[in-house]
Amino acid sequence: MKKRRLNGATQKRLTNEEGVNPMDGMGNLADLMLVLACGLMIAIIAFWNVDLSKVNEIQQNEDYQSMGQAYEDPETGQIFIIQTGD
């Protein structure tokens, strides 16, 4: 019986076989989901003509005054407002 000689590529393939990792593509899928989510948000903002400048106006408006802090009782659902003494 003759021994068969293996060329370099065949010998390398037989000796260096590694198992297939099914989780290799998960990083790419996570990136794809983030890209699609950001693209969808931009498309919605552009389609509905959302004016983003009003967000800064509300935050910088000094007409609103802080009246204290509100706390909710988890047992009864009542909301208590603690006013600061100015």
N, C-alpha and C. Protein backbone atom coordinates (compact mmCIF):
# COMPACT_ATOMS: atom_id res chain seq x y z
N MET A 1 0.84 -1.17 0.00
CA MET A 1 0.00 0.00 0.00
C MET A 1 0.89 1.25 0.00
N LYS A 2 0.59 2.20 -0.89
CA LYS A 2 1.38 3.41 -1.03
C LYS A 2 0.89 4.46 -0.03
N LYS A 3 1.83 5.17 0.49
CA LYS A 3 1.47 6.32 1.32
C LYS A 3 1.27 7.52 0.42
N ARG A 4 0.25 8.25 0.71
CA ARG A 4 -0.06 9.42 -0.11
C ARG A 4 0.63 10.64 0.50
N ARG A 5 1.30 11.38 -0.33
CA ARG A 5 1.94 12.62 0.13
C ARG A 5 0.94 13.75 0.10
N LEU A 6 0.97 14.55 1.15
CA LEU A 6 0.06 15.69 1.23
C LEU A 6 0.84 16.96 0.88
N ASN A 7 0.21 17.79 0.10
CA ASN A 7 0.87 19.07 -0.19
C ASN A 7 0.72 19.99 1.04
N GLY A 8 1.36 21.10 1.03
CA GLY A 8 1.39 22.00 2.19
C GLY A 8 0.03 22.51 2.61
N ALA A 9 -0.83 22.88 1.67
CA ALA A 9 -2.14 23.43 2.01
C ALA A 9 -3.03 22.37 2.65
N THR A 10 -3.01 21.16 2.12
CA THR A 10 -3.83 20.09 2.67
C THR A 10 -3.34 19.70 4.05
N GLN A 11 -2.05 19.63 4.23
CA GLN A 11 -1.49 19.27 5.52
C GLN A 11 -1.82 20.34 6.57
N LYS A 12 -1.74 21.59 6.19
CA LYS A 12 -2.05 22.69 7.12
C LYS A 12 -3.53 22.65 7.51
N ARG A 13 -4.40 22.37 6.55
CA ARG A 13 -5.83 22.31 6.81
C ARG A 13 -6.15 21.17 7.78
N LEU A 14 -5.50 20.06 7.64
CA LEU A 14 -5.77 18.91 8.50
C LEU A 14 -5.23 19.10 9.91
N THR A 15 -4.15 19.81 10.06
CA THR A 15 -3.53 19.96 11.38
C THR A 15 -4.06 21.16 12.16
N ASN A 16 -4.55 22.18 11.49
CA ASN A 16 -4.96 23.40 12.17
C ASN A 16 -6.47 23.61 12.17
N GLU A 17 -7.25 22.55 12.14
CA GLU A 17 -8.70 22.72 12.14
C GLU A 17 -9.14 23.21 13.51
N GLU A 18 -9.88 24.30 13.50
CA GLU A 18 -10.44 24.85 14.74
C GLU A 18 -11.95 24.74 14.65
N GLY A 19 -12.57 24.66 15.81
CA GLY A 19 -14.02 24.59 15.84
C GLY A 19 -14.64 25.90 15.41
N VAL A 20 -15.84 25.83 14.91
CA VAL A 20 -16.55 27.03 14.46
C VAL A 20 -17.25 27.63 15.67
N ASN A 21 -17.03 28.91 15.90
CA ASN A 21 -17.68 29.61 17.00
C ASN A 21 -18.93 30.30 16.47
N PRO A 22 -20.12 29.87 16.91
CA PRO A 22 -21.35 30.48 16.39
C PRO A 22 -21.59 31.90 16.89
N MET A 23 -20.84 32.35 17.88
CA MET A 23 -21.02 33.69 18.44
C MET A 23 -20.15 34.74 17.76
N ASP A 24 -19.38 34.36 16.76
CA ASP A 24 -18.49 35.30 16.09
C ASP A 24 -19.24 36.46 15.45
N GLY A 25 -20.42 36.24 14.92
CA GLY A 25 -21.15 37.28 14.22
C GLY A 25 -22.01 38.16 15.12
N MET A 26 -22.08 37.89 16.41
CA MET A 26 -22.96 38.66 17.30
C MET A 26 -22.52 40.12 17.44
N GLY A 27 -21.24 40.37 17.43
CA GLY A 27 -20.76 41.75 17.51
C GLY A 27 -21.21 42.56 16.31
N ASN A 28 -21.16 41.94 15.15
CA ASN A 28 -21.61 42.63 13.94
C ASN A 28 -23.11 42.89 13.98
N LEU A 29 -23.89 41.96 14.52
CA LEU A 29 -25.33 42.15 14.62
C LEU A 29 -25.67 43.29 15.59
N ALA A 30 -24.93 43.39 16.70
CA ALA A 30 -25.16 44.48 17.65
C ALA A 30 -24.85 45.83 16.99
N ASP A 31 -23.78 45.90 16.24
CA ASP A 31 -23.45 47.14 15.52
C ASP A 31 -24.54 47.48 14.51
N LEU A 32 -25.03 46.48 13.81
CA LEU A 32 -26.07 46.70 12.82
C LEU A 32 -27.35 47.23 13.48
N MET A 33 -27.71 46.68 14.65
CA MET A 33 -28.90 47.16 15.35
C MET A 33 -28.75 48.61 15.77
N LEU A 34 -27.57 49.00 16.24
CA LEU A 34 -27.35 50.39 16.64
C LEU A 34 -27.44 51.33 15.45
N VAL A 35 -26.87 50.94 14.34
CA VAL A 35 -26.93 51.77 13.13
C VAL A 35 -28.37 51.92 12.66
N LEU A 36 -29.13 50.83 12.66
CA LEU A 36 -30.52 50.91 12.23
C LEU A 36 -31.36 51.77 13.19
N ALA A 37 -31.12 51.64 14.49
CA ALA A 37 -31.88 52.44 15.45
C ALA A 37 -31.59 53.92 15.28
N CYS A 38 -30.33 54.29 15.12
CA CYS A 38 -29.99 55.70 14.91
C CYS A 38 -30.55 56.22 13.59
N GLY A 39 -30.48 55.41 12.56
CA GLY A 39 -31.05 55.82 11.27
C GLY A 39 -32.55 56.01 11.34
N LEU A 40 -33.22 55.14 12.09
CA LEU A 40 -34.67 55.27 12.24
C LEU A 40 -35.03 56.55 13.00
N MET A 41 -34.28 56.88 14.05
CA MET A 41 -34.55 58.12 14.79
C MET A 41 -34.35 59.34 13.91
N ILE A 42 -33.29 59.34 13.13
CA ILE A 42 -33.03 60.48 12.25
C ILE A 42 -34.12 60.59 11.19
N ALA A 43 -34.57 59.45 10.66
CA ALA A 43 -35.63 59.48 9.64
C ALA A 43 -36.94 60.00 10.22
N ILE A 44 -37.27 59.61 11.44
CA ILE A 44 -38.50 60.09 12.07
C ILE A 44 -38.44 61.58 12.33
N ILE A 45 -37.30 62.04 12.84
CA ILE A 45 -37.15 63.47 13.11
C ILE A 45 -37.25 64.27 11.81
N ALA A 46 -36.65 63.78 10.74
CA ALA A 46 -36.71 64.49 9.46
C ALA A 46 -38.12 64.43 8.86
N PHE A 47 -38.81 63.30 9.00
CA PHE A 47 -40.13 63.15 8.40
C PHE A 47 -41.17 64.00 9.12
N TRP A 48 -41.09 64.08 10.45
CA TRP A 48 -42.08 64.83 11.22
C TRP A 48 -41.69 66.29 11.41
N ASN A 49 -40.55 66.72 10.87
CA ASN A 49 -40.06 68.09 10.99
C ASN A 49 -40.02 68.55 12.45
N VAL A 50 -39.39 67.76 13.29
CA VAL A 50 -39.29 68.06 14.71
C VAL A 50 -38.35 69.24 14.91
N ASP A 51 -38.80 70.23 15.67
CA ASP A 51 -37.98 71.41 15.97
C ASP A 51 -37.24 71.16 17.27
N LEU A 52 -35.95 70.85 17.18
CA LEU A 52 -35.17 70.52 18.36
C LEU A 52 -34.70 71.76 19.12
N SER A 53 -34.90 72.96 18.58
CA SER A 53 -34.45 74.16 19.28
C SER A 53 -35.34 74.45 20.48
N LYS A 54 -36.58 73.96 20.50
CA LYS A 54 -37.48 74.21 21.63
C LYS A 54 -37.03 73.48 22.89
N VAL A 55 -36.29 72.42 22.73
CA VAL A 55 -35.81 71.69 23.90
C VAL A 55 -34.90 72.57 24.74
N ASN A 56 -34.00 73.29 24.09
CA ASN A 56 -33.09 74.18 24.82
C ASN A 56 -33.83 75.36 25.42
N GLU A 57 -34.87 75.85 24.76
CA GLU A 57 -35.65 76.97 25.29
C GLU A 57 -36.32 76.60 26.60
N ILE A 58 -36.85 75.41 26.69
CA ILE A 58 -37.52 74.98 27.92
C ILE A 58 -36.52 74.84 29.05
N GLN A 59 -35.33 74.32 28.76
CA GLN A 59 -34.33 74.14 29.80
C GLN A 59 -33.77 75.47 30.27
N GLN A 60 -33.70 76.48 29.42
CA GLN A 60 -33.10 77.75 29.77
C GLN A 60 -34.13 78.78 30.23
N ASN A 61 -35.40 78.42 30.22
CA ASN A 61 -36.44 79.36 30.58
C ASN A 61 -36.39 79.60 32.09
N GLU A 62 -36.26 80.85 32.49
CA GLU A 62 -36.17 81.19 33.91
C GLU A 62 -37.54 81.54 34.49
N ASP A 63 -38.61 81.44 33.72
CA ASP A 63 -39.94 81.72 34.23
C ASP A 63 -40.41 80.63 35.19
N TYR A 64 -39.88 79.42 35.04
CA TYR A 64 -40.26 78.32 35.92
C TYR A 64 -39.48 78.42 37.22
N GLN A 65 -40.16 78.15 38.32
CA GLN A 65 -39.51 78.20 39.63
C GLN A 65 -39.60 76.82 40.27
N SER A 66 -38.53 76.44 40.95
CA SER A 66 -38.54 75.18 41.67
C SER A 66 -39.40 75.35 42.92
N MET A 67 -40.36 74.46 43.09
CA MET A 67 -41.27 74.55 44.23
C MET A 67 -40.94 73.51 45.30
N GLY A 68 -39.93 72.72 45.11
CA GLY A 68 -39.56 71.70 46.08
C GLY A 68 -39.33 70.37 45.40
N GLN A 69 -39.43 69.30 46.20
CA GLN A 69 -39.23 67.96 45.69
C GLN A 69 -40.48 67.14 45.95
N ALA A 70 -40.77 66.21 45.05
CA ALA A 70 -41.95 65.36 45.19
C ALA A 70 -41.51 63.93 45.48
N TYR A 71 -42.21 63.30 46.41
CA TYR A 71 -41.94 61.91 46.78
C TYR A 71 -43.24 61.12 46.71
N GLU A 72 -43.15 59.87 46.24
CA GLU A 72 -44.33 59.02 46.15
C GLU A 72 -44.22 57.89 47.17
N ASP A 73 -45.31 57.68 47.92
CA ASP A 73 -45.38 56.56 48.87
C ASP A 73 -45.72 55.30 48.08
N PRO A 74 -44.82 54.30 48.07
CA PRO A 74 -45.06 53.11 47.24
C PRO A 74 -46.25 52.28 47.72
N GLU A 75 -46.60 52.38 49.01
CA GLU A 75 -47.72 51.58 49.53
C GLU A 75 -49.07 52.17 49.17
N THR A 76 -49.20 53.49 49.29
CA THR A 76 -50.50 54.13 49.06
C THR A 76 -50.60 54.79 47.70
N GLY A 77 -49.46 55.13 47.10
CA GLY A 77 -49.48 55.81 45.81
C GLY A 77 -49.65 57.32 45.94
N GLN A 78 -49.69 57.83 47.18
CA GLN A 78 -49.83 59.28 47.38
C GLN A 78 -48.51 59.98 47.08
N ILE A 79 -48.63 61.20 46.58
CA ILE A 79 -47.45 62.00 46.26
C ILE A 79 -47.37 63.15 47.26
N PHE A 80 -46.21 63.30 47.89
CA PHE A 80 -45.96 64.35 48.86
C PHE A 80 -44.97 65.34 48.27
N ILE A 81 -45.27 66.63 48.39
CA ILE A 81 -44.39 67.68 47.88
C ILE A 81 -43.78 68.39 49.08
N ILE A 82 -42.46 68.40 49.13
CA ILE A 82 -41.72 69.06 50.20
C ILE A 82 -41.24 70.39 49.64
N GLN A 83 -41.76 71.49 50.19
CA GLN A 83 -41.37 72.82 49.72
C GLN A 83 -40.16 73.31 50.51
N THR A 84 -39.25 73.94 49.79
CA THR A 84 -38.08 74.50 50.46
C THR A 84 -38.44 75.86 51.03
N GLY A 85 -37.91 76.17 52.20
CA GLY A 85 -38.21 77.46 52.84
C GLY A 85 -37.24 78.51 52.38
N ASP A 86 -37.67 79.36 51.43
CA ASP A 86 -36.82 80.44 50.92
C ASP A 86 -37.13 81.71 51.64
